Amino acid sequence: MANLNLYIGTYCPFCRKVENFIEDNNISGVNYINIDKDKEAREHLVEVGGKKQVPCLFVDEKPMYESMDIINYLKENYL
């Protein structure tokens, strides 16, 4: 299983969409990192991913943006 870190924002509806998918499908092993509460995480997201956009799923430190791309990746690899 890959190392999965999901960068989210507190009031982001697209983040919530991904979180709901993960919860509804009982996908385990996803670490949630809220960039609104963790300044260092926000800086890491920008440094590695190149932008402050959330949601962003890091799969073994490779960033993946866009909620539907993240959901499709999880469907293909974790369901």
PDB file of N, CA and C in Angstrom:
ATOM      1  N   MET A   1       0.839  -1.181   0.000  1.00  0.00           N
ATOM      2  CA  MET A   1       0.000   0.000   0.000  1.00  0.00           C
ATOM      3  C   MET A   1       0.882   1.242   0.000  1.00  0.00           C
ATOM      4  N   ALA A   2       0.509   2.208  -0.802  1.00  0.00           N
ATOM      5  CA  ALA A   2       1.260   3.455  -0.903  1.00  0.00           C
ATOM      6  C   ALA A   2       1.037   4.315   0.331  1.00  0.00           C
ATOM      7  N   ASN A   3       1.958   5.220   0.565  1.00  0.00           N
ATOM      8  CA  ASN A   3       1.823   6.205   1.633  1.00  0.00           C
ATOM      9  C   ASN A   3       0.912   7.318   1.106  1.00  0.00           C
ATOM     10  N   LEU A   4      -0.275   7.490   1.707  1.00  0.00           N
ATOM     11  CA  LEU A   4      -1.272   8.449   1.236  1.00  0.00           C
ATOM     12  C   LEU A   4      -1.456   9.573   2.235  1.00  0.00           C
ATOM     13  N   ASN A   5      -1.178  10.796   1.801  1.00  0.00           N
ATOM     14  CA  ASN A   5      -1.402  11.993   2.604  1.00  0.00           C
ATOM     15  C   ASN A   5      -2.338  12.907   1.833  1.00  0.00           C
ATOM     16  N   LEU A   6      -3.508  13.169   2.405  1.00  0.00           N
ATOM     17  CA  LEU A   6      -4.494  14.027   1.764  1.00  0.00           C
ATOM     18  C   LEU A   6      -4.455  15.404   2.407  1.00  0.00           C
ATOM     19  N   TYR A   7      -4.021  16.385   1.632  1.00  0.00           N
ATOM     20  CA  TYR A   7      -3.996  17.772   2.087  1.00  0.00           C
ATOM     21  C   TYR A   7      -5.367  18.370   1.813  1.00  0.00           C
ATOM     22  N   ILE A   8      -5.952  18.938   2.866  1.00  0.00           N
ATOM     23  CA  ILE A   8      -7.306  19.475   2.781  1.00  0.00           C
ATOM     24  C   ILE A   8      -7.354  20.877   3.375  1.00  0.00           C
ATOM     25  N   GLY A   9      -8.466  21.565   3.126  1.00  0.00           N
ATOM     26  CA  GLY A   9      -8.748  22.850   3.745  1.00  0.00           C
ATOM     27  C   GLY A   9     -10.018  22.729   4.565  1.00  0.00           C
ATOM     28  N   THR A  10     -10.156  23.579   5.547  1.00  0.00           N
ATOM     29  CA  THR A  10     -11.285  23.503   6.480  1.00  0.00           C
ATOM     30  C   THR A  10     -12.634  23.690   5.793  1.00  0.00           C
ATOM     31  N   TYR A  11     -12.752  24.650   4.904  1.00  0.00           N
ATOM     32  CA  TYR A  11     -14.040  24.986   4.308  1.00  0.00           C
ATOM     33  C   TYR A  11     -14.111  24.671   2.813  1.00  0.00           C
ATOM     34  N   CYS A  12     -13.360  23.702   2.376  1.00  0.00           N
ATOM     35  CA  CYS A  12     -13.285  23.361   0.956  1.00  0.00           C
ATOM     36  C   CYS A  12     -14.306  22.273   0.609  1.00  0.00           C
ATOM     37  N   PRO A  13     -15.307  22.582  -0.232  1.00  0.00           N
ATOM     38  CA  PRO A  13     -16.315  21.568  -0.572  1.00  0.00           C
ATOM     39  C   PRO A  13     -15.737  20.397  -1.371  1.00  0.00           C
ATOM     40  N   PHE A  14     -14.703  20.654  -2.151  1.00  0.00           N
ATOM     41  CA  PHE A  14     -14.089  19.578  -2.927  1.00  0.00           C
ATOM     42  C   PHE A  14     -13.310  18.629  -2.018  1.00  0.00           C
ATOM     43  N   CYS A  15     -12.723  19.176  -0.963  1.00  0.00           N
ATOM     44  CA  CYS A  15     -12.049  18.350   0.041  1.00  0.00           C
ATOM     45  C   CYS A  15     -13.066  17.465   0.735  1.00  0.00           C
ATOM     46  N   ARG A  16     -14.188  18.060   1.090  1.00  0.00           N
ATOM     47  CA  ARG A  16     -15.228  17.305   1.786  1.00  0.00           C
ATOM     48  C   ARG A  16     -15.755  16.175   0.907  1.00  0.00           C
ATOM     49  N   LYS A  17     -15.848  16.433  -0.396  1.00  0.00           N
ATOM     50  CA  LYS A  17     -16.289  15.411  -1.350  1.00  0.00           C
ATOM     51  C   LYS A  17     -15.350  14.202  -1.302  1.00  0.00           C
ATOM     52  N   VAL A  18     -14.053  14.448  -1.301  1.00  0.00           N
ATOM     53  CA  VAL A  18     -13.069  13.367  -1.241  1.00  0.00           C
ATOM     54  C   VAL A  18     -13.136  12.670   0.118  1.00  0.00           C
ATOM     55  N   GLU A  19     -13.219  13.450   1.190  1.00  0.00           N
ATOM     56  CA  GLU A  19     -13.317  12.865   2.534  1.00  0.00           C
ATOM     57  C   GLU A  19     -14.550  11.964   2.646  1.00  0.00           C
ATOM     58  N   ASN A  20     -15.679  12.424   2.118  1.00  0.00           N
ATOM     59  CA  ASN A  20     -16.908  11.616   2.156  1.00  0.00           C
ATOM     60  C   ASN A  20     -16.734  10.309   1.386  1.00  0.00           C
ATOM     61  N   PHE A  21     -16.082  10.383   0.236  1.00  0.00           N
ATOM     62  CA  PHE A  21     -15.846   9.173  -0.543  1.00  0.00           C
ATOM     63  C   PHE A  21     -14.996   8.183   0.246  1.00  0.00           C
ATOM     64  N   ILE A  22     -13.943   8.674   0.878  1.00  0.00           N
ATOM     65  CA  ILE A  22     -13.062   7.815   1.668  1.00  0.00           C
ATOM     66  C   ILE A  22     -13.846   7.170   2.818  1.00  0.00           C
ATOM     67  N   GLU A  23     -14.622   7.980   3.514  1.00  0.00           N
ATOM     68  CA  GLU A  23     -15.405   7.469   4.648  1.00  0.00           C
ATOM     69  C   GLU A  23     -16.490   6.497   4.196  1.00  0.00           C
ATOM     70  N   ASP A  24     -17.210   6.836   3.127  1.00  0.00           N
ATOM     71  CA  ASP A  24     -18.304   5.992   2.640  1.00  0.00           C
ATOM     72  C   ASP A  24     -17.815   4.627   2.155  1.00  0.00           C
ATOM     73  N   ASN A  25     -16.568   4.583   1.700  1.00  0.00           N
ATOM     74  CA  ASN A  25     -16.015   3.343   1.160  1.00  0.00           C
ATOM     75  C   ASN A  25     -15.028   2.670   2.109  1.00  0.00           C
ATOM     76  N   ASN A  26     -14.958   3.168   3.339  1.00  0.00           N
ATOM     77  CA  ASN A  26     -14.100   2.568   4.371  1.00  0.00           C
ATOM     78  C   ASN A  26     -12.660   2.361   3.910  1.00  0.00           C
ATOM     79  N   ILE A  27     -12.122   3.365   3.232  1.00  0.00           N
ATOM     80  CA  ILE A  27     -10.734   3.298   2.793  1.00  0.00           C
ATOM     81  C   ILE A  27      -9.859   3.731   3.960  1.00  0.00           C
ATOM     82  N   SER A  28      -8.939   2.866   4.332  1.00  0.00           N
ATOM     83  CA  SER A  28      -8.071   3.168   5.469  1.00  0.00           C
ATOM     84  C   SER A  28      -6.671   3.537   4.990  1.00  0.00           C
ATOM     85  N   GLY A  29      -5.910   4.095   5.885  1.00  0.00           N
ATOM     86  CA  GLY A  29      -4.525   4.422   5.586  1.00  0.00           C
ATOM     87  C   GLY A  29      -4.289   5.783   4.963  1.00  0.00           C
ATOM     88  N   VAL A  30      -5.325   6.628   4.957  1.00  0.00           N
ATOM     89  CA  VAL A  30      -5.183   7.983   4.414  1.00  0.00           C
ATOM     90  C   VAL A  30      -4.963   8.938   5.583  1.00  0.00           C
ATOM     91  N   ASN A  31      -3.861   9.659   5.551  1.00  0.00           N
ATOM     92  CA  ASN A  31      -3.552  10.659   6.575  1.00  0.00           C
ATOM     93  C   ASN A  31      -4.088  12.006   6.108  1.00  0.00           C
ATOM     94  N   TYR A  32      -4.923  12.636   6.927  1.00  0.00           N
ATOM     95  CA  TYR A  32      -5.478  13.956   6.609  1.00  0.00           C
ATOM     96  C   TYR A  32      -4.572  15.036   7.174  1.00  0.00           C
ATOM     97  N   ILE A  33      -4.262  16.020   6.330  1.00  0.00           N
ATOM     98  CA  ILE A  33      -3.417  17.134   6.750  1.00  0.00           C
ATOM     99  C   ILE A  33      -4.130  18.428   6.363  1.00  0.00           C
ATOM    100  N   ASN A  34      -4.552  19.192   7.357  1.00  0.00           N
ATOM    101  CA  ASN A  34      -5.307  20.412   7.119  1.00  0.00           C
ATOM    102  C   ASN A  34      -4.344  21.596   7.023  1.00  0.00           C
ATOM    103  N   ILE A  35      -4.258  22.182   5.843  1.00  0.00           N
ATOM    104  CA  ILE A  35      -3.305  23.281   5.633  1.00  0.00           C
ATOM    105  C   ILE A  35      -3.744  24.571   6.308  1.00  0.00           C
ATOM    106  N   ASP A  36      -5.014  24.652   6.725  1.00  0.00           N
ATOM    107  CA  ASP A  36      -5.479  25.834   7.458  1.00  0.00           C
ATOM    108  C   ASP A  36      -5.025  25.799   8.908  1.00  0.00           C
ATOM    109  N   LYS A  37      -4.683  24.629   9.395  1.00  0.00           N
ATOM    110  CA  LYS A  37      -4.272  24.467  10.791  1.00  0.00           C
ATOM    111  C   LYS A  37      -2.780  24.171  10.944  1.00  0.00           C
ATOM    112  N   ASP A  38      -2.094  23.930   9.834  1.00  0.00           N
ATOM    113  CA  ASP A  38      -0.690  23.536   9.878  1.00  0.00           C
ATOM    114  C   ASP A  38       0.101  24.324   8.836  1.00  0.00           C
ATOM    115  N   LYS A  39       0.746  25.379   9.291  1.00  0.00           N
ATOM    116  CA  LYS A  39       1.492  26.266   8.389  1.00  0.00           C
ATOM    117  C   LYS A  39       2.613  25.524   7.674  1.00  0.00           C
ATOM    118  N   GLU A  40       3.310  24.655   8.376  1.00  0.00           N
ATOM    119  CA  GLU A  40       4.408  23.895   7.758  1.00  0.00           C
ATOM    120  C   GLU A  40       3.880  22.975   6.659  1.00  0.00           C
ATOM    121  N   ALA A  41       2.718  22.386   6.881  1.00  0.00           N
ATOM    122  CA  ALA A  41       2.119  21.530   5.858  1.00  0.00           C
ATOM    123  C   ALA A  41       1.745  22.341   4.622  1.00  0.00           C
ATOM    124  N   ARG A  42       1.217  23.546   4.833  1.00  0.00           N
ATOM    125  CA  ARG A  42       0.865  24.426   3.711  1.00  0.00           C
ATOM    126  C   ARG A  42       2.119  24.776   2.912  1.00  0.00           C
ATOM    127  N   GLU A  43       3.190  25.085   3.609  1.00  0.00           N
ATOM    128  CA  GLU A  43       4.453  25.404   2.932  1.00  0.00           C
ATOM    129  C   GLU A  43       4.983  24.193   2.171  1.00  0.00           C
ATOM    130  N   HIS A  44       4.859  23.003   2.755  1.00  0.00           N
ATOM    131  CA  HIS A  44       5.301  21.770   2.087  1.00  0.00           C
ATOM    132  C   HIS A  44       4.478  21.535   0.820  1.00  0.00           C
ATOM    133  N   LEU A  45       3.168  21.746   0.909  1.00  0.00           N
ATOM    134  CA  LEU A  45       2.295  21.579  -0.251  1.00  0.00           C
ATOM    135  C   LEU A  45       2.735  22.479  -1.396  1.00  0.00           C
ATOM    136  N   VAL A  46       3.005  23.734  -1.102  1.00  0.00           N
ATOM    137  CA  VAL A  46       3.429  24.685  -2.134  1.00  0.00           C
ATOM    138  C   VAL A  46       4.824  24.322  -2.658  1.00  0.00           C
ATOM    139  N   GLU A  47       5.711  23.955  -1.758  1.00  0.00           N
ATOM    140  CA  GLU A  47       7.092  23.630  -2.152  1.00  0.00           C
ATOM    141  C   GLU A  47       7.153  22.400  -3.052  1.00  0.00           C
ATOM    142  N   VAL A  48       6.451  21.354  -2.684  1.00  0.00           N
ATOM    143  CA  VAL A  48       6.531  20.099  -3.431  1.00  0.00           C
ATOM    144  C   VAL A  48       5.529  20.058  -4.577  1.00  0.00           C
ATOM    145  N   GLY A  49       4.311  20.509  -4.318  1.00  0.00           N
ATOM    146  CA  GLY A  49       3.263  20.447  -5.328  1.00  0.00           C
ATOM    147  C   GLY A  49       3.247  21.625  -6.272  1.00  0.00           C
ATOM    148  N   GLY A  50       3.830  22.731  -5.845  1.00  0.00           N
ATOM    149  CA  GLY A  50       3.902  23.899  -6.701  1.00  0.00           C
ATOM    150  C   GLY A  50       2.734  24.869  -6.560  1.00  0.00           C
ATOM    151  N   LYS A  51       1.718  24.504  -5.778  1.00  0.00           N
ATOM    152  CA  LYS A  51       0.587  25.400  -5.578  1.00  0.00           C
ATOM    153  C   LYS A  51      -0.127  25.051  -4.278  1.00  0.00           C
ATOM    154  N   LYS A  52      -0.973  25.974  -3.814  1.00  0.00           N
ATOM    155  CA  LYS A  52      -1.666  25.820  -2.539  1.00  0.00           C
ATOM    156  C   LYS A  52      -3.052  25.190  -2.714  1.00  0.00           C
ATOM    157  N   GLN A  53      -3.294  24.567  -3.830  1.00  0.00           N
ATOM    158  CA  GLN A  53      -4.611  24.010  -4.138  1.00  0.00           C
ATOM    159  C   GLN A  53      -4.888  22.741  -3.331  1.00  0.00           C
ATOM    160  N   VAL A  54      -6.097  22.683  -2.783  1.00  0.00           N
ATOM    161  CA  VAL A  54      -6.578  21.477  -2.112  1.00  0.00           C
ATOM    162  C   VAL A  54      -7.917  21.092  -2.724  1.00  0.00           C
ATOM    163  N   PRO A  55      -8.282  19.825  -2.705  1.00  0.00           N
ATOM    164  CA  PRO A  55      -7.543  18.728  -2.112  1.00  0.00           C
ATOM    165  C   PRO A  55      -6.336  18.341  -2.958  1.00  0.00           C
ATOM    166  N   CYS A  56      -5.363  17.806  -2.285  1.00  0.00           N
ATOM    167  CA  CYS A  56      -4.180  17.270  -2.948  1.00  0.00           C
ATOM    168  C   CYS A  56      -3.803  15.982  -2.241  1.00  0.00           C
ATOM    169  N   LEU A  57      -3.797  14.902  -2.984  1.00  0.00           N
ATOM    170  CA  LEU A  57      -3.398  13.615  -2.439  1.00  0.00           C
ATOM    171  C   LEU A  57      -1.965  13.354  -2.839  1.00  0.00           C
ATOM    172  N   PHE A  58      -1.104  13.212  -1.838  1.00  0.00           N
ATOM    173  CA  PHE A  58       0.269  12.817  -2.106  1.00  0.00           C
ATOM    174  C   PHE A  58       0.327  11.296  -2.033  1.00  0.00           C
ATOM    175  N   VAL A  59       0.687  10.687  -3.138  1.00  0.00           N
ATOM    176  CA  VAL A  59       0.865   9.237  -3.205  1.00  0.00           C
ATOM    177  C   VAL A  59       2.369   9.009  -3.252  1.00  0.00           C
ATOM    178  N   ASP A  60       2.923   8.539  -2.153  1.00  0.00           N
ATOM    179  CA  ASP A  60       4.373   8.371  -2.037  1.00  0.00           C
ATOM    180  C   ASP A  60       5.106   9.653  -2.448  1.00  0.00           C
ATOM    181  N   GLU A  61       4.621  10.783  -1.927  1.00  0.00           N
ATOM    182  CA  GLU A  61       5.205  12.116  -2.133  1.00  0.00           C
ATOM    183  C   GLU A  61       5.039  12.665  -3.551  1.00  0.00           C
ATOM    184  N   LYS A  62       4.174  12.071  -4.364  1.00  0.00           N
ATOM    185  CA  LYS A  62       3.848  12.629  -5.681  1.00  0.00           C
ATOM    186  C   LYS A  62       2.454  13.239  -5.590  1.00  0.00           C
ATOM    187  N   PRO A  63       2.311  14.552  -5.872  1.00  0.00           N
ATOM    188  CA  PRO A  63       1.012  15.206  -5.697  1.00  0.00           C
ATOM    189  C   PRO A  63       0.011  14.880  -6.800  1.00  0.00           C
ATOM    190  N   MET A  64      -1.258  14.753  -6.386  1.00  0.00           N
ATOM    191  CA  MET A  64      -2.364  14.555  -7.311  1.00  0.00           C
ATOM    192  C   MET A  64      -3.464  15.536  -6.909  1.00  0.00           C
ATOM    193  N   TYR A  65      -3.844  16.391  -7.851  1.00  0.00           N
ATOM    194  CA  TYR A  65      -4.868  17.394  -7.595  1.00  0.00           C
ATOM    195  C   TYR A  65      -6.190  16.967  -8.239  1.00  0.00           C
ATOM    196  N   GLU A  66      -7.217  17.748  -7.980  1.00  0.00           N
ATOM    197  CA  GLU A  66      -8.566  17.586  -8.522  1.00  0.00           C
ATOM    198  C   GLU A  66      -9.302  16.451  -7.818  1.00  0.00           C
ATOM    199  N   SER A  67     -10.421  16.792  -7.229  1.00  0.00           N
ATOM    200  CA  SER A  67     -11.175  15.835  -6.418  1.00  0.00           C
ATOM    201  C   SER A  67     -11.573  14.585  -7.206  1.00  0.00           C
ATOM    202  N   MET A  68     -12.026  14.718  -8.439  1.00  0.00           N
ATOM    203  CA  MET A  68     -12.450  13.540  -9.203  1.00  0.00           C
ATOM    204  C   MET A  68     -11.256  12.676  -9.599  1.00  0.00           C
ATOM    205  N   ASP A  69     -10.112  13.266  -9.860  1.00  0.00           N
ATOM    206  CA  ASP A  69      -8.910  12.476 -10.144  1.00  0.00           C
ATOM    207  C   ASP A  69      -8.508  11.667  -8.912  1.00  0.00           C
ATOM    208  N   ILE A  70      -8.605  12.295  -7.746  1.00  0.00           N
ATOM    209  CA  ILE A  70      -8.277  11.611  -6.489  1.00  0.00           C
ATOM    210  C   ILE A  70      -9.264  10.471  -6.249  1.00  0.00           C
ATOM    211  N   ILE A  71     -10.542  10.737  -6.411  1.00  0.00           N
ATOM    212  CA  ILE A  71     -11.567   9.712  -6.212  1.00  0.00           C
ATOM    213  C   ILE A  71     -11.373   8.561  -7.193  1.00  0.00           C
ATOM    214  N   ASN A  72     -11.113   8.873  -8.450  1.00  0.00           N
ATOM    215  CA  ASN A  72     -10.897   7.808  -9.444  1.00  0.00           C
ATOM    216  C   ASN A  72      -9.663   6.979  -9.106  1.00  0.00           C
ATOM    217  N   TYR A  73      -8.613   7.619  -8.647  1.00  0.00           N
ATOM    218  CA  TYR A  73      -7.408   6.882  -8.235  1.00  0.00           C
ATOM    219  C   TYR A  73      -7.742   5.931  -7.088  1.00  0.00           C
ATOM    220  N   LEU A  74      -8.473   6.431  -6.107  1.00  0.00           N
ATOM    221  CA  LEU A  74      -8.835   5.591  -4.962  1.00  0.00           C
ATOM    222  C   LEU A  74      -9.745   4.437  -5.383  1.00  0.00           C
ATOM    223  N   LYS A  75     -10.679   4.701  -6.300  1.00  0.00           N
ATOM    224  CA  LYS A  75     -11.562   3.634  -6.813  1.00  0.00           C
ATOM    225  C   LYS A  75     -10.740   2.528  -7.462  1.00  0.00           C
ATOM    226  N   GLU A  76      -9.801   2.923  -8.295  1.00  0.00           N
ATOM    227  CA  GLU A  76      -9.004   1.959  -9.057  1.00  0.00           C
ATOM    228  C   GLU A  76      -8.029   1.174  -8.172  1.00  0.00           C
ATOM    229  N   ASN A  77      -7.565   1.783  -7.103  1.00  0.00           N
ATOM    230  CA  ASN A  77      -6.498   1.164  -6.334  1.00  0.00           C
ATOM    231  C   ASN A  77      -6.881   0.662  -4.945  1.00  0.00           C
ATOM    232  N   TYR A  78      -8.041   1.093  -4.422  1.00  0.00           N
ATOM    233  CA  TYR A  78      -8.375   0.746  -3.040  1.00  0.00           C
ATOM    234  C   TYR A  78      -9.771   0.166  -2.847  1.00  0.00           C
ATOM    235  N   LEU A  79     -10.514  -0.046  -3.927  1.00  0.00           N
ATOM    236  CA  LEU A  79     -11.834  -0.668  -3.778  1.00  0.00           C
ATOM    237  C   LEU A  79     -11.822  -2.063  -4.364  1.00  0.00           C
TER     238      LEU A  79
END
